[in-house]
Amino acid sequence: MKFIGRLTVAIALAFAASMNASAEKFSELYYQRASLFDALGVDSTSIVMVGNSLTHGCEWHELLGMPNVLNRGINGDIAEGINQRLDGVLKGKPAKIFLLCGVNDVSHDLTADSIATAVEGLVDRILTESPTTRLYLQSLLPINNSFARYRLLTDKEQTIRDINTRLQKMASSKGVTWIDLYPHFADENGNLKAELTNDGLHLLAPGYMIWKEVLLPYITE
């Protein structure tokens, strides 16, 4: 009987663990960093970089020489993931938010319209919940499929351009500052310049140096 009782408890615990695992929609890294971000917090002097792996991959406070610039990027994040963790940013009423997301949504084979709509939802939420925050919406960067690293982004170049077109129009209609990163990173064929990346998606140091020069006027205004 004791064995049966222990077996029943073990089964219950295993079931609970499996239910908890299935409830976690995003990666382990997502929850690790989201938990850290909640603990660190944001305040009204903060300039917050919100995004995916492109944002995650930079030491923004060092690059810009400003300790109040906070990195809130998570590798692999999508618009839905950003929305789920946005409370931790908005409750601090930061001075500025620089938002960049969408390329991982593209890899999920979503349409340009659906992705632009999801990003618009983030924009509307920021404007509503933290109206004193200055919001800067950044375009998606080009990709370079010649590296053959990201199968799910194959033939998605036009989708990225279409998203940027929609986001630019949306930003203008809402009075949000639009930062068009795309032309600063694209070669003559519209691909991410090969010298700025080693996988066709993420940036090497020269890419972040370009990004820095584009952002500085907005960071310091």
N, C-alpha and C. Protein backbone atom coordinates (compact mmCIF):
# COMPACT_ATOMS: atom_id res chain seq x y z
N MET A 1 0.82 -1.21 0.00
CA MET A 1 0.00 0.00 0.00
C MET A 1 0.86 1.26 0.00
N LYS A 2 1.98 1.19 0.82
CA LYS A 2 2.87 2.35 0.83
C LYS A 2 3.46 2.59 -0.55
N PHE A 3 3.81 1.48 -1.23
CA PHE A 3 4.38 1.61 -2.58
C PHE A 3 3.38 2.26 -3.52
N ILE A 4 2.13 1.81 -3.42
CA ILE A 4 1.09 2.37 -4.28
C ILE A 4 0.91 3.86 -3.99
N GLY A 5 0.97 4.21 -2.69
CA GLY A 5 0.83 5.61 -2.33
C GLY A 5 1.95 6.46 -2.89
N ARG A 6 3.18 5.95 -2.77
CA ARG A 6 4.32 6.69 -3.31
C ARG A 6 4.23 6.81 -4.82
N LEU A 7 3.77 5.73 -5.46
CA LEU A 7 3.61 5.73 -6.91
C LEU A 7 2.58 6.78 -7.33
N THR A 8 1.49 6.86 -6.57
CA THR A 8 0.44 7.84 -6.89
C THR A 8 0.98 9.27 -6.79
N VAL A 9 1.75 9.53 -5.74
CA VAL A 9 2.34 10.86 -5.56
C VAL A 9 3.30 11.18 -6.69
N ALA A 10 4.13 10.18 -7.06
CA ALA A 10 5.10 10.38 -8.14
C ALA A 10 4.40 10.70 -9.46
N ILE A 11 3.32 9.98 -9.74
CA ILE A 11 2.57 10.21 -10.96
C ILE A 11 1.97 11.62 -10.94
N ALA A 12 1.44 12.02 -9.78
CA ALA A 12 0.83 13.35 -9.67
C ALA A 12 1.86 14.44 -9.89
N LEU A 13 3.04 14.25 -9.29
CA LEU A 13 4.11 15.25 -9.47
C LEU A 13 4.56 15.32 -10.92
N ALA A 14 4.68 14.16 -11.55
CA ALA A 14 5.10 14.13 -12.95
C ALA A 14 4.07 14.81 -13.83
N PHE A 15 2.80 14.56 -13.53
CA PHE A 15 1.73 15.20 -14.30
C PHE A 15 1.76 16.72 -14.13
N ALA A 16 1.95 17.16 -12.88
CA ALA A 16 2.00 18.60 -12.62
C ALA A 16 3.18 19.24 -13.34
N ALA A 17 4.31 18.54 -13.33
CA ALA A 17 5.50 19.07 -14.02
C ALA A 17 5.26 19.17 -15.51
N SER A 18 4.60 18.14 -16.08
CA SER A 18 4.34 18.16 -17.51
C SER A 18 3.37 19.27 -17.87
N MET A 19 2.39 19.50 -17.01
CA MET A 19 1.43 20.59 -17.25
C MET A 19 2.12 21.94 -17.19
N ASN A 20 3.03 22.08 -16.23
CA ASN A 20 3.75 23.34 -16.09
C ASN A 20 4.63 23.58 -17.30
N ALA A 21 5.28 22.52 -17.78
CA ALA A 21 6.15 22.65 -18.96
C ALA A 21 5.35 23.04 -20.18
N SER A 22 4.17 22.42 -20.33
CA SER A 22 3.36 22.73 -21.51
C SER A 22 2.82 24.15 -21.46
N ALA A 23 2.67 24.69 -20.22
CA ALA A 23 2.14 26.04 -20.09
C ALA A 23 3.17 27.09 -20.46
N GLU A 24 4.45 26.73 -20.45
CA GLU A 24 5.51 27.67 -20.78
C GLU A 24 5.64 27.74 -22.30
N LYS A 25 5.19 28.86 -22.83
CA LYS A 25 5.08 28.99 -24.28
C LYS A 25 6.40 29.36 -24.93
N PHE A 26 7.29 30.00 -24.15
CA PHE A 26 8.53 30.50 -24.71
C PHE A 26 9.72 29.70 -24.18
N SER A 27 10.91 30.09 -24.59
CA SER A 27 12.11 29.33 -24.24
C SER A 27 12.50 29.51 -22.78
N GLU A 28 13.38 28.63 -22.29
CA GLU A 28 13.91 28.78 -20.94
C GLU A 28 14.63 30.12 -20.80
N LEU A 29 15.39 30.49 -21.84
CA LEU A 29 16.11 31.76 -21.81
C LEU A 29 15.15 32.92 -21.66
N TYR A 30 14.02 32.86 -22.33
CA TYR A 30 13.02 33.92 -22.22
C TYR A 30 12.64 34.15 -20.77
N TYR A 31 12.30 33.07 -20.07
CA TYR A 31 11.84 33.21 -18.69
C TYR A 31 12.98 33.60 -17.75
N GLN A 32 14.19 33.15 -18.05
CA GLN A 32 15.34 33.55 -17.25
C GLN A 32 15.55 35.06 -17.32
N ARG A 33 15.58 35.58 -18.56
CA ARG A 33 15.84 37.01 -18.72
C ARG A 33 14.65 37.86 -18.29
N ALA A 34 13.44 37.40 -18.56
CA ALA A 34 12.26 38.15 -18.13
C ALA A 34 12.22 38.27 -16.62
N SER A 35 12.60 37.20 -15.93
CA SER A 35 12.65 37.24 -14.47
C SER A 35 13.70 38.24 -13.98
N LEU A 36 14.85 38.24 -14.63
CA LEU A 36 15.90 39.19 -14.27
C LEU A 36 15.45 40.62 -14.51
N PHE A 37 14.83 40.86 -15.65
CA PHE A 37 14.37 42.20 -15.99
C PHE A 37 13.38 42.72 -14.95
N ASP A 38 12.47 41.84 -14.50
CA ASP A 38 11.50 42.24 -13.48
C ASP A 38 12.21 42.65 -12.19
N ALA A 39 13.27 41.90 -11.84
CA ALA A 39 13.99 42.20 -10.61
C ALA A 39 14.79 43.50 -10.72
N LEU A 40 15.34 43.77 -11.90
CA LEU A 40 16.16 44.96 -12.08
C LEU A 40 15.34 46.24 -12.15
N GLY A 41 14.20 46.16 -12.82
CA GLY A 41 13.31 47.30 -12.90
C GLY A 41 13.74 48.37 -13.88
N VAL A 42 12.88 49.37 -14.00
CA VAL A 42 13.04 50.51 -14.90
C VAL A 42 12.54 51.73 -14.15
N ASP A 43 13.13 52.90 -14.41
CA ASP A 43 12.58 54.12 -13.80
C ASP A 43 12.44 55.22 -14.86
N SER A 44 12.04 56.39 -14.42
CA SER A 44 11.70 57.46 -15.35
C SER A 44 12.91 58.05 -16.06
N THR A 45 14.12 57.71 -15.62
CA THR A 45 15.33 58.18 -16.31
C THR A 45 15.84 57.17 -17.33
N SER A 46 15.21 56.01 -17.39
CA SER A 46 15.71 54.91 -18.21
C SER A 46 15.42 55.12 -19.69
N ILE A 47 16.38 54.72 -20.51
CA ILE A 47 16.19 54.58 -21.96
C ILE A 47 16.26 53.09 -22.23
N VAL A 48 15.16 52.51 -22.70
CA VAL A 48 15.03 51.07 -22.74
C VAL A 48 15.04 50.55 -24.17
N MET A 49 15.95 49.62 -24.43
CA MET A 49 16.04 48.97 -25.73
C MET A 49 15.26 47.66 -25.65
N VAL A 50 14.13 47.60 -26.33
CA VAL A 50 13.25 46.44 -26.27
C VAL A 50 13.29 45.70 -27.60
N GLY A 51 13.53 44.38 -27.55
CA GLY A 51 13.57 43.65 -28.79
C GLY A 51 13.98 42.20 -28.64
N ASN A 52 14.52 41.67 -29.73
CA ASN A 52 14.90 40.26 -29.81
C ASN A 52 16.42 40.10 -29.74
N SER A 53 16.96 39.11 -30.45
CA SER A 53 18.39 38.81 -30.36
C SER A 53 19.27 39.94 -30.86
N LEU A 54 18.79 40.72 -31.82
CA LEU A 54 19.59 41.84 -32.32
C LEU A 54 19.81 42.87 -31.21
N THR A 55 18.79 43.10 -30.41
CA THR A 55 18.92 43.99 -29.25
C THR A 55 19.71 43.31 -28.14
N HIS A 56 19.39 42.06 -27.88
CA HIS A 56 20.05 41.27 -26.84
C HIS A 56 21.57 41.25 -27.04
N GLY A 57 22.01 41.23 -28.30
CA GLY A 57 23.42 40.99 -28.60
C GLY A 57 24.36 42.16 -28.39
N CYS A 58 23.87 43.27 -27.86
CA CYS A 58 24.72 44.46 -27.69
C CYS A 58 24.77 44.90 -26.24
N GLU A 59 25.92 45.39 -25.82
CA GLU A 59 26.05 46.04 -24.52
C GLU A 59 25.77 47.53 -24.74
N TRP A 60 24.51 47.88 -24.73
CA TRP A 60 24.09 49.21 -25.15
C TRP A 60 24.64 50.32 -24.27
N HIS A 61 24.68 50.10 -22.98
CA HIS A 61 25.17 51.15 -22.09
C HIS A 61 26.64 51.45 -22.34
N GLU A 62 27.41 50.42 -22.72
CA GLU A 62 28.81 50.63 -23.06
C GLU A 62 28.96 51.25 -24.44
N LEU A 63 28.20 50.75 -25.39
CA LEU A 63 28.28 51.26 -26.76
C LEU A 63 27.95 52.76 -26.80
N LEU A 64 26.93 53.15 -26.04
CA LEU A 64 26.47 54.53 -26.07
C LEU A 64 27.08 55.39 -24.97
N GLY A 65 27.80 54.75 -24.05
CA GLY A 65 28.41 55.49 -22.96
C GLY A 65 27.41 56.10 -22.01
N MET A 66 26.29 55.39 -21.79
CA MET A 66 25.22 55.93 -20.95
C MET A 66 24.67 54.82 -20.05
N PRO A 67 24.93 54.89 -18.75
CA PRO A 67 24.50 53.81 -17.85
C PRO A 67 23.00 53.67 -17.72
N ASN A 68 22.24 54.70 -18.10
CA ASN A 68 20.78 54.60 -17.99
C ASN A 68 20.13 53.94 -19.21
N VAL A 69 20.94 53.51 -20.18
CA VAL A 69 20.41 52.77 -21.33
C VAL A 69 20.35 51.30 -20.95
N LEU A 70 19.16 50.73 -20.94
CA LEU A 70 18.93 49.37 -20.45
C LEU A 70 18.61 48.42 -21.60
N ASN A 71 19.22 47.25 -21.56
CA ASN A 71 18.97 46.22 -22.57
C ASN A 71 17.83 45.33 -22.11
N ARG A 72 16.76 45.35 -22.86
CA ARG A 72 15.63 44.46 -22.58
C ARG A 72 15.33 43.60 -23.81
N GLY A 73 16.40 43.11 -24.43
CA GLY A 73 16.26 42.20 -25.56
C GLY A 73 16.37 40.76 -25.11
N ILE A 74 15.65 39.89 -25.78
CA ILE A 74 15.72 38.45 -25.51
C ILE A 74 15.84 37.71 -26.84
N ASN A 75 16.85 36.89 -26.92
CA ASN A 75 17.09 36.08 -28.11
C ASN A 75 15.86 35.25 -28.46
N GLY A 76 15.43 35.34 -29.71
CA GLY A 76 14.30 34.54 -30.18
C GLY A 76 12.94 35.14 -29.91
N ASP A 77 12.88 36.33 -29.31
CA ASP A 77 11.58 36.85 -28.90
C ASP A 77 10.74 37.29 -30.10
N ILE A 78 9.45 37.22 -29.89
CA ILE A 78 8.45 37.61 -30.88
C ILE A 78 7.56 38.69 -30.27
N ALA A 79 6.68 39.26 -31.08
CA ALA A 79 5.82 40.33 -30.59
C ALA A 79 4.99 39.88 -29.39
N GLU A 80 4.49 38.67 -29.44
CA GLU A 80 3.68 38.16 -28.33
C GLU A 80 4.50 38.06 -27.05
N GLY A 81 5.75 37.62 -27.19
CA GLY A 81 6.61 37.51 -26.02
C GLY A 81 6.92 38.87 -25.42
N ILE A 82 7.18 39.85 -26.27
CA ILE A 82 7.43 41.20 -25.78
C ILE A 82 6.20 41.73 -25.06
N ASN A 83 5.04 41.50 -25.62
CA ASN A 83 3.81 41.96 -24.97
C ASN A 83 3.65 41.34 -23.59
N GLN A 84 4.00 40.07 -23.45
CA GLN A 84 3.82 39.38 -22.18
C GLN A 84 4.72 39.96 -21.09
N ARG A 85 5.89 40.49 -21.46
CA ARG A 85 6.83 41.01 -20.45
C ARG A 85 6.90 42.54 -20.44
N LEU A 86 6.00 43.19 -21.13
CA LEU A 86 6.06 44.65 -21.24
C LEU A 86 5.68 45.37 -19.95
N ASP A 87 4.93 44.69 -19.08
CA ASP A 87 4.56 45.30 -17.79
C ASP A 87 5.79 45.80 -17.04
N GLY A 88 6.84 44.98 -17.04
CA GLY A 88 8.04 45.32 -16.30
C GLY A 88 8.73 46.57 -16.79
N VAL A 89 8.49 46.92 -18.05
CA VAL A 89 9.04 48.15 -18.62
C VAL A 89 8.10 49.32 -18.37
N LEU A 90 6.83 49.14 -18.66
CA LEU A 90 5.89 50.25 -18.64
C LEU A 90 5.59 50.76 -17.24
N LYS A 91 5.63 49.90 -16.24
CA LYS A 91 5.32 50.38 -14.89
C LYS A 91 6.37 51.35 -14.36
N GLY A 92 7.56 51.35 -14.97
CA GLY A 92 8.60 52.29 -14.57
C GLY A 92 8.50 53.63 -15.27
N LYS A 93 7.59 53.75 -16.26
CA LYS A 93 7.41 55.00 -17.02
C LYS A 93 8.75 55.55 -17.51
N PRO A 94 9.48 54.77 -18.33
CA PRO A 94 10.81 55.20 -18.78
C PRO A 94 10.76 56.44 -19.65
N ALA A 95 11.90 57.12 -19.74
CA ALA A 95 11.98 58.33 -20.57
C ALA A 95 11.78 58.00 -22.04
N LYS A 96 12.42 56.92 -22.49
CA LYS A 96 12.35 56.54 -23.90
C LYS A 96 12.33 55.02 -24.03
N ILE A 97 11.65 54.55 -25.07
CA ILE A 97 11.70 53.14 -25.46
C ILE A 97 12.06 53.09 -26.93
N PHE A 98 13.05 52.24 -27.26
CA PHE A 98 13.41 51.95 -28.64
C PHE A 98 12.98 50.51 -28.90
N LEU A 99 12.00 50.34 -29.77
CA LEU A 99 11.38 49.04 -30.02
C LEU A 99 11.81 48.50 -31.38
N LEU A 100 12.25 47.26 -31.38
CA LEU A 100 12.55 46.55 -32.63
C LEU A 100 12.14 45.09 -32.48
N CYS A 101 11.20 44.65 -33.29
CA CYS A 101 10.85 43.23 -33.30
C CYS A 101 10.19 42.89 -34.62
N GLY A 102 10.09 41.61 -34.90
CA GLY A 102 9.38 41.16 -36.09
C GLY A 102 10.06 40.06 -36.88
N VAL A 103 11.40 40.01 -36.86
CA VAL A 103 12.05 39.03 -37.73
C VAL A 103 11.79 37.60 -37.27
N ASN A 104 11.67 37.37 -35.97
CA ASN A 104 11.34 36.02 -35.50
C ASN A 104 9.90 35.66 -35.82
N ASP A 105 9.02 36.64 -35.83
CA ASP A 105 7.65 36.40 -36.27
C ASP A 105 7.64 36.00 -37.75
N VAL A 106 8.52 36.63 -38.55
CA VAL A 106 8.65 36.26 -39.96
C VAL A 106 9.05 34.79 -40.10
N SER A 107 9.96 34.34 -39.25
CA SER A 107 10.42 32.95 -39.32
C SER A 107 9.32 31.96 -38.95
N HIS A 108 8.26 32.43 -38.31
CA HIS A 108 7.11 31.58 -37.98
C HIS A 108 6.11 31.54 -39.13
N ASP A 109 6.50 32.13 -40.27
CA ASP A 109 5.71 32.10 -41.50
C ASP A 109 4.40 32.86 -41.37
N LEU A 110 4.43 33.94 -40.60
CA LEU A 110 3.27 34.82 -40.51
C LEU A 110 3.30 35.84 -41.64
N THR A 111 2.16 36.41 -41.95
CA THR A 111 2.09 37.38 -43.03
C THR A 111 2.60 38.73 -42.56
N ALA A 112 2.96 39.56 -43.53
CA ALA A 112 3.42 40.91 -43.20
C ALA A 112 2.32 41.68 -42.46
N ASP A 113 1.07 41.52 -42.90
CA ASP A 113 -0.04 42.23 -42.25
C ASP A 113 -0.21 41.81 -40.80
N SER A 114 -0.13 40.51 -40.54
CA SER A 114 -0.35 40.03 -39.17
C SER A 114 0.79 40.47 -38.25
N ILE A 115 2.00 40.49 -38.76
CA ILE A 115 3.13 40.92 -37.94
C ILE A 115 3.05 42.42 -37.66
N ALA A 116 2.75 43.19 -38.68
CA ALA A 116 2.61 44.63 -38.48
C ALA A 116 1.48 44.94 -37.49
N THR A 117 0.42 44.18 -37.54
CA THR A 117 -0.69 44.36 -36.60
C THR A 117 -0.26 44.04 -35.18
N ALA A 118 0.55 42.98 -35.02
CA ALA A 118 1.04 42.63 -33.69
C ALA A 118 1.95 43.71 -33.13
N VAL A 119 2.81 44.26 -33.97
CA VAL A 119 3.69 45.35 -33.52
C VAL A 119 2.87 46.59 -33.20
N GLU A 120 1.84 46.84 -33.99
CA GLU A 120 0.96 47.98 -33.71
C GLU A 120 0.31 47.83 -32.34
N GLY A 121 -0.02 46.61 -31.97
CA GLY A 121 -0.57 46.38 -30.64
C GLY A 121 0.40 46.78 -29.54
N LEU A 122 1.69 46.49 -29.74
CA LEU A 122 2.72 46.90 -28.78
C LEU A 122 2.80 48.43 -28.71
N VAL A 123 2.78 49.05 -29.87
CA VAL A 123 2.85 50.52 -29.92
C VAL A 123 1.66 51.13 -29.19
N ASP A 124 0.47 50.64 -29.46
CA ASP A 124 -0.74 51.18 -28.81
C ASP A 124 -0.66 50.99 -27.29
N ARG A 125 -0.17 49.86 -26.88
CA ARG A 125 -0.09 49.60 -25.43
C ARG A 125 0.90 50.56 -24.76
N ILE A 126 2.04 50.77 -25.38
CA ILE A 126 3.03 51.69 -24.82
C ILE A 126 2.47 53.10 -24.74
N LEU A 127 1.84 53.54 -25.82
CA LEU A 127 1.28 54.89 -25.85
C LEU A 127 0.18 55.07 -24.80
N THR A 128 -0.58 54.03 -24.55
CA THR A 128 -1.69 54.10 -23.60
C THR A 128 -1.21 54.02 -22.15
N GLU A 129 -0.32 53.07 -21.87
CA GLU A 129 0.06 52.80 -20.48
C GLU A 129 1.21 53.66 -19.99
N SER A 130 1.97 54.24 -20.90
CA SER A 130 3.06 55.11 -20.49
C SER A 130 3.13 56.31 -21.43
N PRO A 131 2.14 57.18 -21.37
CA PRO A 131 2.05 58.28 -22.35
C PRO A 131 3.18 59.30 -22.25
N THR A 132 3.89 59.33 -21.14
CA THR A 132 5.01 60.27 -21.01
C THR A 132 6.29 59.74 -21.65
N THR A 133 6.29 58.47 -22.01
CA THR A 133 7.47 57.85 -22.63
C THR A 133 7.55 58.21 -24.10
N ARG A 134 8.73 58.59 -24.56
CA ARG A 134 8.93 58.83 -25.99
C ARG A 134 9.26 57.50 -26.66
N LEU A 135 8.44 57.12 -27.61
CA LEU A 135 8.58 55.83 -28.28
C LEU A 135 9.23 56.00 -29.64
N TYR A 136 10.22 55.17 -29.89
CA TYR A 136 10.92 55.15 -31.18
C TYR A 136 10.76 53.75 -31.76
N LEU A 137 10.12 53.66 -32.91
CA LEU A 137 9.91 52.38 -33.58
C LEU A 137 10.96 52.21 -34.67
N GLN A 138 11.73 51.14 -34.57
CA GLN A 138 12.81 50.88 -35.50
C GLN A 138 12.39 49.85 -36.55
N SER A 139 12.85 50.05 -37.76
CA SER A 139 12.54 49.11 -38.83
C SER A 139 13.27 47.79 -38.63
N LEU A 140 12.74 46.75 -39.26
CA LEU A 140 13.48 45.50 -39.33
C LEU A 140 14.72 45.69 -40.19
N LEU A 141 15.77 44.97 -39.86
CA LEU A 141 16.99 45.00 -40.65
C LEU A 141 16.86 44.01 -41.81
N PRO A 142 17.68 44.20 -42.85
CA PRO A 142 17.71 43.18 -43.91
C PRO A 142 18.35 41.90 -43.40
N ILE A 143 18.19 40.83 -44.14
CA ILE A 143 18.84 39.56 -43.85
C ILE A 143 19.71 39.19 -45.04
N ASN A 144 20.54 38.17 -44.86
CA ASN A 144 21.41 37.70 -45.95
C ASN A 144 21.38 36.19 -45.98
N ASN A 145 20.59 35.64 -46.89
CA ASN A 145 20.40 34.19 -46.92
C ASN A 145 21.54 33.44 -47.61
N SER A 146 22.55 34.15 -48.11
CA SER A 146 23.69 33.46 -48.71
C SER A 146 24.47 32.65 -47.67
N PHE A 147 24.27 32.98 -46.39
CA PHE A 147 24.93 32.21 -45.33
C PHE A 147 24.25 30.87 -45.09
N ALA A 148 23.01 30.74 -45.56
CA ALA A 148 22.25 29.48 -45.46
C ALA A 148 22.15 28.96 -44.02
N ARG A 149 21.97 29.87 -43.08
CA ARG A 149 21.91 29.48 -41.67
C ARG A 149 20.47 29.38 -41.16
N TYR A 150 19.58 30.17 -41.72
CA TYR A 150 18.22 30.25 -41.17
C TYR A 150 17.21 29.87 -42.25
N ARG A 151 16.93 28.57 -42.29
CA ARG A 151 16.04 28.03 -43.32
C ARG A 151 14.67 28.69 -43.29
N LEU A 152 14.19 29.02 -42.10
CA LEU A 152 12.84 29.58 -41.98
C LEU A 152 12.76 31.02 -42.47
N LEU A 153 13.90 31.63 -42.80
CA LEU A 153 13.90 32.97 -43.36
C LEU A 153 14.20 32.98 -44.86
N THR A 154 14.29 31.81 -45.45
CA THR A 154 14.53 31.72 -46.88
C THR A 154 13.38 32.38 -47.66
N ASP A 155 13.77 33.22 -48.61
CA ASP A 155 12.80 33.92 -49.47
C ASP A 155 11.84 34.83 -48.68
N LYS A 156 12.30 35.35 -47.55
CA LYS A 156 11.46 36.24 -46.74
C LYS A 156 11.88 37.71 -46.86
N GLU A 157 12.78 38.01 -47.79
CA GLU A 157 13.26 39.39 -47.91
C GLU A 157 12.12 40.37 -48.20
N GLN A 158 11.23 39.98 -49.11
CA GLN A 158 10.13 40.88 -49.46
C GLN A 158 9.16 41.04 -48.30
N THR A 159 8.96 39.98 -47.54
CA THR A 159 8.08 40.08 -46.37
C THR A 159 8.62 41.13 -45.40
N ILE A 160 9.93 41.12 -45.19
CA ILE A 160 10.54 42.11 -44.30
C ILE A 160 10.33 43.52 -44.83
N ARG A 161 10.52 43.70 -46.12
CA ARG A 161 10.31 45.03 -46.69
C ARG A 161 8.85 45.46 -46.57
N ASP A 162 7.94 44.52 -46.76
CA ASP A 162 6.51 44.84 -46.65
C ASP A 162 6.15 45.23 -45.21
N ILE A 163 6.72 44.52 -44.25
CA ILE A 163 6.48 44.87 -42.85
C ILE A 163 6.96 46.29 -42.57
N ASN A 164 8.15 46.61 -43.04
CA ASN A 164 8.68 47.94 -42.80
C ASN A 164 7.80 49.03 -43.41
N THR A 165 7.27 48.76 -44.59
CA THR A 165 6.37 49.74 -45.23
C THR A 165 5.13 49.97 -44.37
N ARG A 166 4.57 48.88 -43.86
CA ARG A 166 3.38 48.99 -43.03
C ARG A 166 3.69 49.68 -41.69
N LEU A 167 4.82 49.34 -41.10
CA LEU A 167 5.17 49.94 -39.81
C LEU A 167 5.44 51.43 -39.95
N GLN A 168 6.09 51.82 -41.03
CA GLN A 168 6.36 53.24 -41.23
C GLN A 168 5.06 54.04 -41.32
N LYS A 169 4.10 53.52 -42.08
CA LYS A 169 2.81 54.21 -42.22
C LYS A 169 2.10 54.27 -40.87
N MET A 170 2.15 53.17 -40.13
CA MET A 170 1.49 53.12 -38.83
C MET A 170 2.13 54.11 -37.86
N ALA A 171 3.46 54.16 -37.83
CA ALA A 171 4.15 55.08 -36.94
C ALA A 171 3.77 56.52 -37.25
N SER A 172 3.72 56.84 -38.53
CA SER A 172 3.35 58.20 -38.94
C SER A 172 1.94 58.54 -38.50
N SER A 173 1.03 57.61 -38.62
CA SER A 173 -0.37 57.88 -38.27
C SER A 173 -0.55 58.07 -36.78
N LYS A 174 0.36 57.52 -35.97
CA LYS A 174 0.24 57.60 -34.51
C LYS A 174 1.19 58.63 -33.90
N GLY A 175 1.95 59.29 -34.71
CA GLY A 175 2.89 60.28 -34.20
C GLY A 175 4.08 59.68 -33.48
N VAL A 176 4.43 58.46 -33.85
CA VAL A 176 5.58 57.78 -33.26
C VAL A 176 6.81 58.00 -34.14
N THR A 177 7.95 58.25 -33.54
CA THR A 177 9.16 58.46 -34.31
C THR A 177 9.60 57.16 -34.98
N TRP A 178 9.79 57.22 -36.28
CA TRP A 178 10.21 56.07 -37.09
C TRP A 178 11.70 56.17 -37.36
N ILE A 179 12.43 55.10 -37.08
CA ILE A 179 13.86 55.05 -37.36
C ILE A 179 14.08 53.95 -38.40
N ASP A 180 14.43 54.35 -39.60
CA ASP A 180 14.60 53.39 -40.69
C ASP A 180 16.04 52.88 -40.72
N LEU A 181 16.26 51.76 -40.06
CA LEU A 181 17.59 51.16 -40.00
C LEU A 181 17.96 50.47 -41.31
N TYR A 182 16.96 49.98 -42.02
CA TYR A 182 17.16 49.09 -43.16
C TYR A 182 18.21 49.59 -44.15
N PRO A 183 18.11 50.81 -44.68
CA PRO A 183 19.06 51.23 -45.72
C PRO A 183 20.50 51.36 -45.22
N HIS A 184 20.68 51.50 -43.93
CA HIS A 184 22.04 51.61 -43.39
C HIS A 184 22.76 50.26 -43.36
N PHE A 185 22.00 49.19 -43.48
CA PHE A 185 22.57 47.84 -43.36
C PHE A 185 22.48 47.04 -44.66
N ALA A 186 21.75 47.54 -45.64
CA ALA A 186 21.51 46.79 -46.87
C ALA A 186 22.57 47.08 -47.92
N ASP A 187 22.96 46.03 -48.68
CA ASP A 187 23.84 46.23 -49.82
C ASP A 187 23.01 46.60 -51.04
N GLU A 188 23.66 46.66 -52.21
CA GLU A 188 22.97 47.10 -53.42
C GLU A 188 21.85 46.15 -53.85
N ASN A 189 21.86 44.92 -53.33
CA ASN A 189 20.82 43.95 -53.66
C ASN A 189 19.76 43.83 -52.57
N GLY A 190 19.87 44.65 -51.55
CA GLY A 190 18.90 44.60 -50.47
C GLY A 190 19.17 43.56 -49.42
N ASN A 191 20.37 42.97 -49.45
CA ASN A 191 20.74 41.99 -48.44
C ASN A 191 21.54 42.65 -47.32
N LEU A 192 21.51 42.04 -46.14
CA LEU A 192 22.36 42.50 -45.06
C LEU A 192 23.82 42.41 -45.52
N LYS A 193 24.54 43.51 -45.40
CA LYS A 193 25.92 43.54 -45.87
C LYS A 193 26.72 42.42 -45.22
N ALA A 194 27.42 41.66 -46.06
CA ALA A 194 28.12 40.47 -45.59
C ALA A 194 29.17 40.78 -44.55
N GLU A 195 29.78 41.96 -44.62
CA GLU A 195 30.84 42.30 -43.67
C GLU A 195 30.29 42.67 -42.29
N LEU A 196 28.97 42.79 -42.17
CA LEU A 196 28.38 43.17 -40.89
C LEU A 196 27.86 41.98 -40.11
N THR A 197 27.96 40.77 -40.66
CA THR A 197 27.36 39.60 -40.04
C THR A 197 28.22 38.38 -40.28
N ASN A 198 28.05 37.37 -39.45
CA ASN A 198 28.71 36.09 -39.71
C ASN A 198 27.72 34.94 -39.80
N ASP A 199 26.41 35.29 -39.85
CA ASP A 199 25.40 34.24 -40.01
C ASP A 199 24.22 34.68 -40.87
N GLY A 200 24.24 35.92 -41.35
CA GLY A 200 23.18 36.41 -42.21
C GLY A 200 22.03 37.09 -41.51
N LEU A 201 22.07 37.10 -40.18
CA LEU A 201 20.98 37.70 -39.40
C LEU A 201 21.50 38.60 -38.28
N HIS A 202 22.44 38.09 -37.51
CA HIS A 202 22.95 38.82 -36.35
C HIS A 202 24.15 39.67 -36.74
N LEU A 203 24.45 40.65 -35.89
CA LEU A 203 25.45 41.64 -36.24
C LEU A 203 26.79 41.41 -35.55
N LEU A 204 27.84 41.71 -36.29
CA LEU A 204 29.17 41.84 -35.72
C LEU A 204 29.35 43.28 -35.23
N ALA A 205 30.48 43.53 -34.61
CA ALA A 205 30.74 44.86 -34.04
C ALA A 205 30.54 46.00 -35.04
N PRO A 206 31.02 45.88 -36.29
CA PRO A 206 30.81 47.00 -37.23
C PRO A 206 29.34 47.33 -37.45
N GLY A 207 28.48 46.32 -37.38
CA GLY A 207 27.05 46.57 -37.51
C GLY A 207 26.51 47.37 -36.35
N TYR A 208 26.94 47.02 -35.15
CA TYR A 208 26.48 47.79 -33.99
C TYR A 208 27.04 49.20 -33.99
N MET A 209 28.20 49.40 -34.55
CA MET A 209 28.75 50.75 -34.66
C MET A 209 27.90 51.61 -35.60
N ILE A 210 27.41 51.00 -36.68
CA ILE A 210 26.50 51.72 -37.57
C ILE A 210 25.20 52.05 -36.84
N TRP A 211 24.68 51.06 -36.15
CA TRP A 211 23.43 51.25 -35.39
C TRP A 211 23.60 52.39 -34.39
N LYS A 212 24.73 52.42 -33.71
CA LYS A 212 25.01 53.48 -32.75
C LYS A 212 24.91 54.86 -33.40
N GLU A 213 25.53 55.01 -34.56
CA GLU A 213 25.53 56.32 -35.22
C GLU A 213 24.13 56.74 -35.65
N VAL A 214 23.31 55.76 -36.05
CA VAL A 214 21.93 56.07 -36.43
C VAL A 214 21.12 56.51 -35.21
N LEU A 215 21.34 55.84 -34.07
CA LEU A 215 20.52 56.09 -32.89
C LEU A 215 20.93 57.32 -32.10
N LEU A 216 22.18 57.69 -32.13
CA LEU A 216 22.67 58.74 -31.24
C LEU A 216 21.84 60.03 -31.28
N PRO A 217 21.45 60.53 -32.45
CA PRO A 217 20.64 61.76 -32.44
C PRO A 217 19.33 61.61 -31.68
N TYR A 218 18.76 60.40 -31.71
CA TYR A 218 17.50 60.16 -31.01
C TYR A 218 17.73 59.90 -29.52
N ILE A 219 18.82 59.27 -29.19
CA ILE A 219 19.17 59.00 -27.81
C ILE A 219 19.39 60.30 -27.04
N THR A 220 20.05 61.23 -27.70
CA THR A 220 20.48 62.45 -27.02
C THR A 220 19.51 63.62 -27.16
N GLU A 221 18.48 63.48 -27.99
CA GLU A 221 17.56 64.62 -28.18
C GLU A 221 16.69 64.86 -26.95
